[in-house]
N, C-alpha and C. Protein backbone atom coordinates (compact mmCIF):
# COMPACT_ATOMS: atom_id res chain seq x y z
N UNK A 1 132.65 162.75 130.11
CA UNK A 1 132.54 163.93 129.28
C UNK A 1 132.12 165.11 130.15
N UNK A 2 132.70 166.27 129.95
CA UNK A 2 132.31 167.46 130.69
C UNK A 2 131.13 168.12 129.99
N UNK A 3 130.45 168.98 130.74
CA UNK A 3 129.32 169.68 130.17
C UNK A 3 129.82 170.71 129.17
N UNK A 4 129.11 170.81 128.06
CA UNK A 4 129.45 171.83 127.08
C UNK A 4 128.15 172.44 126.58
N UNK A 5 128.19 173.72 126.27
CA UNK A 5 127.00 174.44 125.88
C UNK A 5 127.25 175.20 124.60
N UNK A 6 126.18 175.46 123.89
CA UNK A 6 126.25 176.29 122.69
C UNK A 6 125.38 177.50 122.92
N UNK A 7 125.37 178.42 121.97
CA UNK A 7 124.55 179.61 122.12
C UNK A 7 123.07 179.30 122.00
N UNK A 8 122.69 178.09 121.68
CA UNK A 8 121.29 177.74 121.52
C UNK A 8 120.89 176.52 122.36
N UNK A 9 121.40 176.43 123.56
CA UNK A 9 121.04 175.35 124.46
C UNK A 9 119.67 175.65 125.08
N UNK A 10 118.74 174.70 124.97
CA UNK A 10 117.42 174.85 125.57
C UNK A 10 117.37 174.04 126.86
N UNK A 11 116.56 174.50 127.81
CA UNK A 11 116.38 173.79 129.07
C UNK A 11 114.92 173.41 129.19
N UNK A 12 114.64 172.10 129.34
CA UNK A 12 113.28 171.60 129.48
C UNK A 12 113.15 170.88 130.82
N UNK A 13 112.07 171.16 131.51
CA UNK A 13 111.76 170.46 132.75
C UNK A 13 110.65 169.47 132.45
N UNK A 14 110.75 168.27 133.03
CA UNK A 14 109.75 167.23 132.77
C UNK A 14 109.54 166.39 134.01
N UNK A 15 108.38 165.81 134.11
CA UNK A 15 108.15 164.77 135.12
C UNK A 15 108.70 163.49 134.52
N UNK A 16 109.78 163.00 135.11
CA UNK A 16 110.38 161.76 134.60
C UNK A 16 111.47 162.01 133.59
N UNK A 17 112.48 162.76 133.97
CA UNK A 17 113.56 163.11 133.05
C UNK A 17 114.33 161.89 132.56
N UNK A 18 114.49 160.88 133.39
CA UNK A 18 115.18 159.66 132.93
C UNK A 18 114.42 159.05 131.77
N UNK A 19 113.10 158.95 131.90
CA UNK A 19 112.26 158.42 130.83
C UNK A 19 112.29 159.35 129.62
N UNK A 20 112.29 160.66 129.86
CA UNK A 20 112.33 161.62 128.75
C UNK A 20 113.60 161.46 127.93
N UNK A 21 114.73 161.33 128.60
CA UNK A 21 115.99 161.15 127.88
C UNK A 21 115.94 159.90 127.02
N UNK A 22 115.46 158.82 127.59
CA UNK A 22 115.34 157.57 126.82
C UNK A 22 114.39 157.74 125.64
N UNK A 23 113.28 158.44 125.87
CA UNK A 23 112.30 158.64 124.80
C UNK A 23 112.89 159.47 123.67
N UNK A 24 113.61 160.55 124.00
CA UNK A 24 114.22 161.39 122.96
C UNK A 24 115.27 160.61 122.17
N UNK A 25 115.96 159.70 122.84
CA UNK A 25 116.91 158.85 122.12
C UNK A 25 116.19 157.96 121.12
N UNK A 26 115.08 157.37 121.55
CA UNK A 26 114.32 156.47 120.68
C UNK A 26 113.60 157.24 119.58
N UNK A 27 112.94 158.35 119.92
CA UNK A 27 112.10 159.07 118.97
C UNK A 27 112.88 159.95 118.01
N UNK A 28 113.94 160.61 118.51
CA UNK A 28 114.66 161.60 117.71
C UNK A 28 116.12 161.27 117.49
N UNK A 29 116.59 160.13 117.96
CA UNK A 29 117.98 159.76 117.79
C UNK A 29 118.93 160.57 118.67
N UNK A 30 118.43 161.07 119.79
CA UNK A 30 119.26 161.88 120.69
C UNK A 30 120.41 161.06 121.26
N UNK A 31 121.46 161.79 121.61
CA UNK A 31 122.61 161.19 122.30
C UNK A 31 122.71 161.85 123.67
N UNK A 32 122.71 161.05 124.74
CA UNK A 32 122.87 161.62 126.07
C UNK A 32 124.35 161.87 126.32
N UNK A 33 124.65 163.08 126.78
CA UNK A 33 126.05 163.48 126.99
C UNK A 33 126.46 163.46 128.45
N UNK A 34 125.63 163.99 129.33
CA UNK A 34 125.96 164.04 130.75
C UNK A 34 124.68 163.94 131.57
N UNK A 35 124.85 163.55 132.86
CA UNK A 35 123.73 163.59 133.79
C UNK A 35 124.26 163.80 135.20
N UNK A 36 123.50 164.59 135.97
CA UNK A 36 123.82 164.85 137.37
C UNK A 36 122.59 164.54 138.20
N UNK A 37 122.81 163.81 139.31
CA UNK A 37 121.73 163.37 140.18
C UNK A 37 121.92 164.01 141.55
N UNK A 38 120.83 164.55 142.11
CA UNK A 38 120.90 165.10 143.47
C UNK A 38 120.70 163.94 144.45
N UNK A 39 121.08 164.11 145.73
CA UNK A 39 121.03 162.99 146.69
C UNK A 39 119.67 162.29 146.80
N UNK A 40 118.56 162.98 146.55
CA UNK A 40 117.25 162.31 146.67
C UNK A 40 116.88 161.53 145.41
N UNK A 41 117.79 161.50 144.42
CA UNK A 41 117.57 160.70 143.22
C UNK A 41 117.03 161.46 142.02
N UNK A 42 116.60 162.71 142.22
CA UNK A 42 116.10 163.48 141.08
C UNK A 42 117.25 163.93 140.19
N UNK A 43 116.94 164.06 138.91
CA UNK A 43 117.94 164.52 137.95
C UNK A 43 117.86 166.04 137.85
N UNK A 44 118.97 166.69 138.13
CA UNK A 44 119.05 168.15 138.05
C UNK A 44 119.56 168.58 136.68
N UNK A 45 120.23 167.66 135.99
CA UNK A 45 120.82 168.01 134.70
C UNK A 45 121.06 166.75 133.88
N UNK A 46 120.41 166.69 132.73
CA UNK A 46 120.71 165.67 131.73
C UNK A 46 120.89 166.41 130.42
N UNK A 47 122.07 166.32 129.87
CA UNK A 47 122.35 167.02 128.62
C UNK A 47 122.28 166.02 127.47
N UNK A 48 121.48 166.38 126.46
CA UNK A 48 121.35 165.54 125.28
C UNK A 48 121.59 166.38 124.03
N UNK A 49 121.89 165.69 122.95
CA UNK A 49 122.07 166.37 121.66
C UNK A 49 121.24 165.64 120.61
N UNK A 50 120.49 166.44 119.85
CA UNK A 50 119.72 165.94 118.71
C UNK A 50 120.22 166.72 117.51
N UNK A 51 121.01 166.08 116.66
CA UNK A 51 121.64 166.82 115.56
C UNK A 51 122.53 167.91 116.14
N UNK A 52 122.26 169.17 115.80
CA UNK A 52 123.03 170.29 116.35
C UNK A 52 122.33 170.96 117.52
N UNK A 53 121.16 170.47 117.91
CA UNK A 53 120.40 171.02 119.02
C UNK A 53 120.86 170.40 120.34
N UNK A 54 121.22 171.24 121.29
CA UNK A 54 121.57 170.78 122.62
C UNK A 54 120.42 171.09 123.56
N UNK A 55 120.00 170.09 124.33
CA UNK A 55 118.95 170.26 125.33
C UNK A 55 119.48 169.89 126.69
N UNK A 56 119.07 170.66 127.69
CA UNK A 56 119.29 170.29 129.08
C UNK A 56 117.93 169.91 129.63
N UNK A 57 117.85 168.76 130.27
CA UNK A 57 116.62 168.28 130.86
C UNK A 57 116.78 168.23 132.37
N UNK A 58 115.68 168.45 133.08
CA UNK A 58 115.71 168.33 134.53
C UNK A 58 114.35 167.86 135.03
N UNK A 59 114.37 167.13 136.14
CA UNK A 59 113.13 166.77 136.81
C UNK A 59 112.51 168.02 137.41
N UNK A 60 111.24 167.91 137.80
CA UNK A 60 110.59 169.02 138.48
C UNK A 60 111.24 169.23 139.85
N UNK A 61 111.43 170.49 140.21
CA UNK A 61 111.94 170.89 141.51
C UNK A 61 111.00 171.96 142.06
N UNK A 62 109.87 171.54 142.67
CA UNK A 62 108.91 172.53 143.16
C UNK A 62 109.51 173.56 144.10
N UNK A 63 110.49 173.14 144.89
CA UNK A 63 111.12 174.07 145.83
C UNK A 63 111.90 175.17 145.12
N UNK A 64 112.22 174.96 143.84
CA UNK A 64 112.90 175.96 143.02
C UNK A 64 111.95 176.60 142.00
N UNK A 65 110.66 176.29 142.13
CA UNK A 65 109.63 176.79 141.20
C UNK A 65 109.91 176.34 139.77
N UNK A 66 110.41 175.12 139.62
CA UNK A 66 110.73 174.55 138.32
C UNK A 66 109.78 173.39 138.04
N UNK A 67 108.90 173.60 137.04
CA UNK A 67 107.86 172.62 136.72
C UNK A 67 107.85 172.32 135.23
N UNK A 68 107.39 171.13 134.88
CA UNK A 68 107.18 170.75 133.49
C UNK A 68 105.83 171.24 132.99
N UNK A 69 105.57 171.08 131.70
CA UNK A 69 104.33 171.57 131.09
C UNK A 69 103.06 171.01 131.72
N UNK A 70 103.10 169.76 132.21
CA UNK A 70 101.90 169.17 132.80
C UNK A 70 101.41 169.95 134.01
N UNK A 71 102.32 170.57 134.76
CA UNK A 71 101.96 171.37 135.93
C UNK A 71 101.10 172.56 135.52
N UNK A 72 101.35 173.09 134.33
CA UNK A 72 100.66 174.29 133.85
C UNK A 72 99.51 173.97 132.89
N UNK A 73 99.26 172.70 132.66
CA UNK A 73 98.19 172.32 131.76
C UNK A 73 98.56 172.37 130.29
N UNK A 74 99.82 172.40 129.96
CA UNK A 74 100.27 172.41 128.57
C UNK A 74 101.55 173.21 128.41
N UNK A 75 102.00 173.29 127.20
CA UNK A 75 103.24 173.99 126.90
C UNK A 75 102.94 175.29 126.17
N UNK A 76 103.86 176.21 126.19
CA UNK A 76 103.66 177.54 125.62
C UNK A 76 104.24 177.69 124.22
N UNK A 77 105.00 176.75 123.75
CA UNK A 77 105.65 176.89 122.44
C UNK A 77 106.04 175.53 121.90
N UNK A 78 106.83 175.55 120.85
CA UNK A 78 107.26 174.30 120.22
C UNK A 78 108.74 174.37 119.89
N UNK A 79 109.38 173.22 119.91
CA UNK A 79 110.76 173.08 119.49
C UNK A 79 110.70 172.50 118.09
N UNK A 80 111.36 173.14 117.14
CA UNK A 80 111.34 172.66 115.76
C UNK A 80 112.64 171.97 115.41
N UNK A 81 112.52 170.81 114.79
CA UNK A 81 113.66 170.08 114.26
C UNK A 81 113.56 170.09 112.75
N UNK A 82 114.56 170.63 112.10
CA UNK A 82 114.63 170.65 110.64
C UNK A 82 115.46 169.44 110.23
N UNK A 83 114.87 168.57 109.41
CA UNK A 83 115.52 167.31 109.05
C UNK A 83 115.50 167.12 107.54
N UNK A 84 116.32 166.20 107.05
CA UNK A 84 116.39 165.92 105.61
C UNK A 84 115.26 165.01 105.13
N UNK A 85 114.77 164.13 106.00
CA UNK A 85 113.70 163.20 105.64
C UNK A 85 112.63 163.27 106.73
N UNK A 86 111.73 164.23 106.60
CA UNK A 86 110.74 164.47 107.65
C UNK A 86 109.76 163.31 107.79
N UNK A 87 109.45 162.62 106.71
CA UNK A 87 108.51 161.49 106.80
C UNK A 87 109.09 160.39 107.67
N UNK A 88 110.36 160.08 107.50
CA UNK A 88 111.00 159.04 108.32
C UNK A 88 111.12 159.49 109.78
N UNK A 89 111.51 160.75 110.00
CA UNK A 89 111.63 161.27 111.37
C UNK A 89 110.27 161.28 112.06
N UNK A 90 109.24 161.66 111.31
CA UNK A 90 107.87 161.69 111.83
C UNK A 90 107.43 160.30 112.26
N UNK A 91 107.63 159.32 111.40
CA UNK A 91 107.20 157.95 111.70
C UNK A 91 107.92 157.41 112.92
N UNK A 92 109.21 157.72 113.03
CA UNK A 92 109.99 157.26 114.18
C UNK A 92 109.42 157.82 115.48
N UNK A 93 109.07 159.11 115.49
CA UNK A 93 108.51 159.74 116.69
C UNK A 93 107.12 159.19 117.00
N UNK A 94 106.29 159.01 115.99
CA UNK A 94 104.95 158.45 116.20
C UNK A 94 105.06 157.02 116.72
N UNK A 95 105.95 156.23 116.14
CA UNK A 95 106.15 154.86 116.60
C UNK A 95 106.62 154.82 118.05
N UNK A 96 107.33 155.85 118.48
CA UNK A 96 107.83 155.92 119.85
C UNK A 96 106.75 156.39 120.83
N UNK A 97 105.60 156.81 120.30
CA UNK A 97 104.49 157.19 121.17
C UNK A 97 104.12 158.66 121.17
N UNK A 98 104.64 159.45 120.24
CA UNK A 98 104.26 160.86 120.15
C UNK A 98 102.79 160.97 119.75
N UNK A 99 102.12 162.01 120.22
CA UNK A 99 100.74 162.29 119.87
C UNK A 99 100.72 163.35 118.77
N UNK A 100 100.00 163.10 117.70
CA UNK A 100 99.92 164.05 116.59
C UNK A 100 99.03 165.22 116.99
N UNK A 101 99.58 166.43 116.88
CA UNK A 101 98.81 167.66 117.11
C UNK A 101 98.34 168.21 115.77
N UNK A 102 99.26 168.38 114.87
CA UNK A 102 98.96 168.83 113.51
C UNK A 102 99.64 167.86 112.56
N UNK A 103 98.85 167.13 111.75
CA UNK A 103 99.43 166.10 110.88
C UNK A 103 100.48 166.66 109.92
N UNK A 104 101.40 165.82 109.56
CA UNK A 104 102.43 166.15 108.59
C UNK A 104 101.79 166.47 107.25
N UNK A 105 102.16 167.62 106.67
CA UNK A 105 101.61 168.02 105.36
C UNK A 105 102.54 169.02 104.70
N UNK A 106 102.33 169.25 103.42
CA UNK A 106 103.08 170.27 102.69
C UNK A 106 102.44 171.62 102.99
N UNK A 107 103.20 172.51 103.59
CA UNK A 107 102.69 173.81 104.02
C UNK A 107 102.90 174.87 102.94
N UNK A 108 102.08 175.90 102.98
CA UNK A 108 102.14 176.94 101.96
C UNK A 108 103.47 177.68 101.95
N UNK A 109 104.21 177.66 103.04
CA UNK A 109 105.47 178.40 103.12
C UNK A 109 106.67 177.61 102.60
N UNK A 110 106.41 176.48 101.93
CA UNK A 110 107.48 175.77 101.25
C UNK A 110 108.16 174.69 102.05
N UNK A 111 107.52 174.24 103.12
CA UNK A 111 108.09 173.16 103.92
C UNK A 111 107.05 172.08 104.16
N UNK A 112 107.51 170.89 104.37
CA UNK A 112 106.65 169.79 104.82
C UNK A 112 106.82 169.75 106.32
N UNK A 113 105.72 169.90 107.06
CA UNK A 113 105.85 170.00 108.50
C UNK A 113 104.59 169.53 109.22
N UNK A 114 104.75 169.27 110.49
CA UNK A 114 103.66 168.92 111.38
C UNK A 114 104.13 169.07 112.82
N UNK A 115 103.19 168.94 113.75
CA UNK A 115 103.55 169.07 115.16
C UNK A 115 103.09 167.85 115.95
N UNK A 116 103.93 167.49 116.92
CA UNK A 116 103.71 166.33 117.79
C UNK A 116 103.83 166.77 119.25
N UNK A 117 103.23 166.00 120.13
CA UNK A 117 103.39 166.20 121.57
C UNK A 117 104.09 164.98 122.12
N UNK A 118 105.19 165.20 122.85
CA UNK A 118 105.89 164.06 123.44
C UNK A 118 105.17 163.63 124.72
N UNK A 119 105.50 162.46 125.27
CA UNK A 119 104.80 161.97 126.46
C UNK A 119 105.03 162.82 127.71
N UNK A 120 105.89 163.83 127.63
CA UNK A 120 106.23 164.65 128.79
C UNK A 120 105.64 166.05 128.69
N UNK A 121 104.81 166.28 127.66
CA UNK A 121 104.09 167.54 127.52
C UNK A 121 104.74 168.59 126.66
N UNK A 122 105.86 168.27 126.01
CA UNK A 122 106.55 169.23 125.15
C UNK A 122 106.10 169.05 123.71
N UNK A 123 105.89 170.19 123.02
CA UNK A 123 105.44 170.20 121.63
C UNK A 123 106.67 170.28 120.72
N UNK A 124 106.65 169.46 119.67
CA UNK A 124 107.74 169.39 118.70
C UNK A 124 107.19 169.61 117.30
N UNK A 125 107.87 170.43 116.53
CA UNK A 125 107.58 170.56 115.11
C UNK A 125 108.68 169.86 114.34
N UNK A 126 108.28 169.04 113.38
CA UNK A 126 109.26 168.41 112.50
C UNK A 126 109.04 168.99 111.12
N UNK A 127 110.11 169.39 110.46
CA UNK A 127 109.97 170.07 109.18
C UNK A 127 111.11 169.73 108.23
N UNK A 128 110.79 169.79 106.94
CA UNK A 128 111.77 169.58 105.88
C UNK A 128 111.53 170.66 104.83
N UNK A 129 112.58 171.34 104.44
CA UNK A 129 112.47 172.40 103.43
C UNK A 129 112.21 171.77 102.06
N UNK A 130 111.18 172.29 101.37
CA UNK A 130 110.82 171.77 100.05
C UNK A 130 111.22 172.71 98.91
N UNK A 131 110.98 174.01 99.12
CA UNK A 131 111.29 174.95 98.04
C UNK A 131 111.55 176.35 98.59
N UNK A 132 112.39 177.07 97.88
CA UNK A 132 112.69 178.46 98.22
C UNK A 132 111.65 179.36 97.58
N UNK A 133 111.37 180.48 98.24
CA UNK A 133 110.49 181.48 97.65
C UNK A 133 110.92 182.85 98.15
N UNK A 134 110.57 183.86 97.39
CA UNK A 134 110.91 185.23 97.78
C UNK A 134 110.01 185.67 98.93
N UNK A 135 110.43 186.69 99.65
CA UNK A 135 109.65 187.22 100.74
C UNK A 135 108.30 187.74 100.24
N UNK A 136 108.29 188.37 99.06
CA UNK A 136 107.03 188.88 98.53
C UNK A 136 106.07 187.74 98.19
N UNK A 137 106.59 186.63 97.64
CA UNK A 137 105.75 185.47 97.35
C UNK A 137 105.22 184.87 98.65
N UNK A 138 106.09 184.78 99.64
CA UNK A 138 105.68 184.24 100.93
C UNK A 138 104.60 185.11 101.57
N UNK A 139 104.75 186.44 101.47
CA UNK A 139 103.74 187.34 102.03
C UNK A 139 102.40 187.17 101.31
N UNK A 140 102.44 187.04 100.01
CA UNK A 140 101.21 186.84 99.23
C UNK A 140 100.51 185.53 99.64
N UNK A 141 101.28 184.47 99.78
CA UNK A 141 100.71 183.19 100.20
C UNK A 141 100.17 183.25 101.63
N UNK A 142 100.85 184.00 102.49
CA UNK A 142 100.38 184.18 103.86
C UNK A 142 99.04 184.92 103.87
N UNK A 143 98.95 185.99 103.08
CA UNK A 143 97.70 186.75 102.99
C UNK A 143 96.56 185.85 102.52
N UNK A 144 96.82 185.03 101.52
CA UNK A 144 95.79 184.12 100.99
C UNK A 144 95.37 183.09 102.05
N UNK A 145 96.36 182.55 102.75
CA UNK A 145 96.07 181.50 103.73
C UNK A 145 95.27 182.03 104.92
N UNK A 146 95.48 183.31 105.25
CA UNK A 146 94.81 183.86 106.44
C UNK A 146 93.70 184.85 106.11
N UNK A 147 93.28 184.91 104.86
CA UNK A 147 92.18 185.79 104.49
C UNK A 147 90.93 185.37 105.26
N UNK A 148 90.31 186.33 105.93
CA UNK A 148 89.10 186.04 106.68
C UNK A 148 89.32 185.47 108.08
N UNK A 149 90.55 185.43 108.56
CA UNK A 149 90.85 184.91 109.91
C UNK A 149 91.08 186.01 110.92
N UNK A 150 90.38 187.11 110.83
CA UNK A 150 90.62 188.18 111.80
C UNK A 150 89.75 188.06 113.01
């Protein structure tokens, strides 16, 4: 299969990309599409797909200033997966070894969601839409939830 990209392809660097690809397959049902190995055995490109999300994974390449989250002491953001059955997806990821950051719960903004940390230092949010609400209702609920948090 040749490499293919979408307008929303993410690139993640990790220590142990081979293990990361296997873990994403087990935890999130990812499908590995392609992989390229440099002569010293490091992976420069592993393309996987989780639902409609395309990820490119690579090992750390210090000579290219490319490091995973562990190098920096953590990650700066989260990747969110919107799924139809968040409880089942959550359990699958936890069973695969994900660390719970924020437990799965019904959130005020109308979704059931939580956050996990994968074994490679990347933060994942899993979410399922529960109910629609107007922007004004959402703003009111946001104000209530954050009252006194200045």
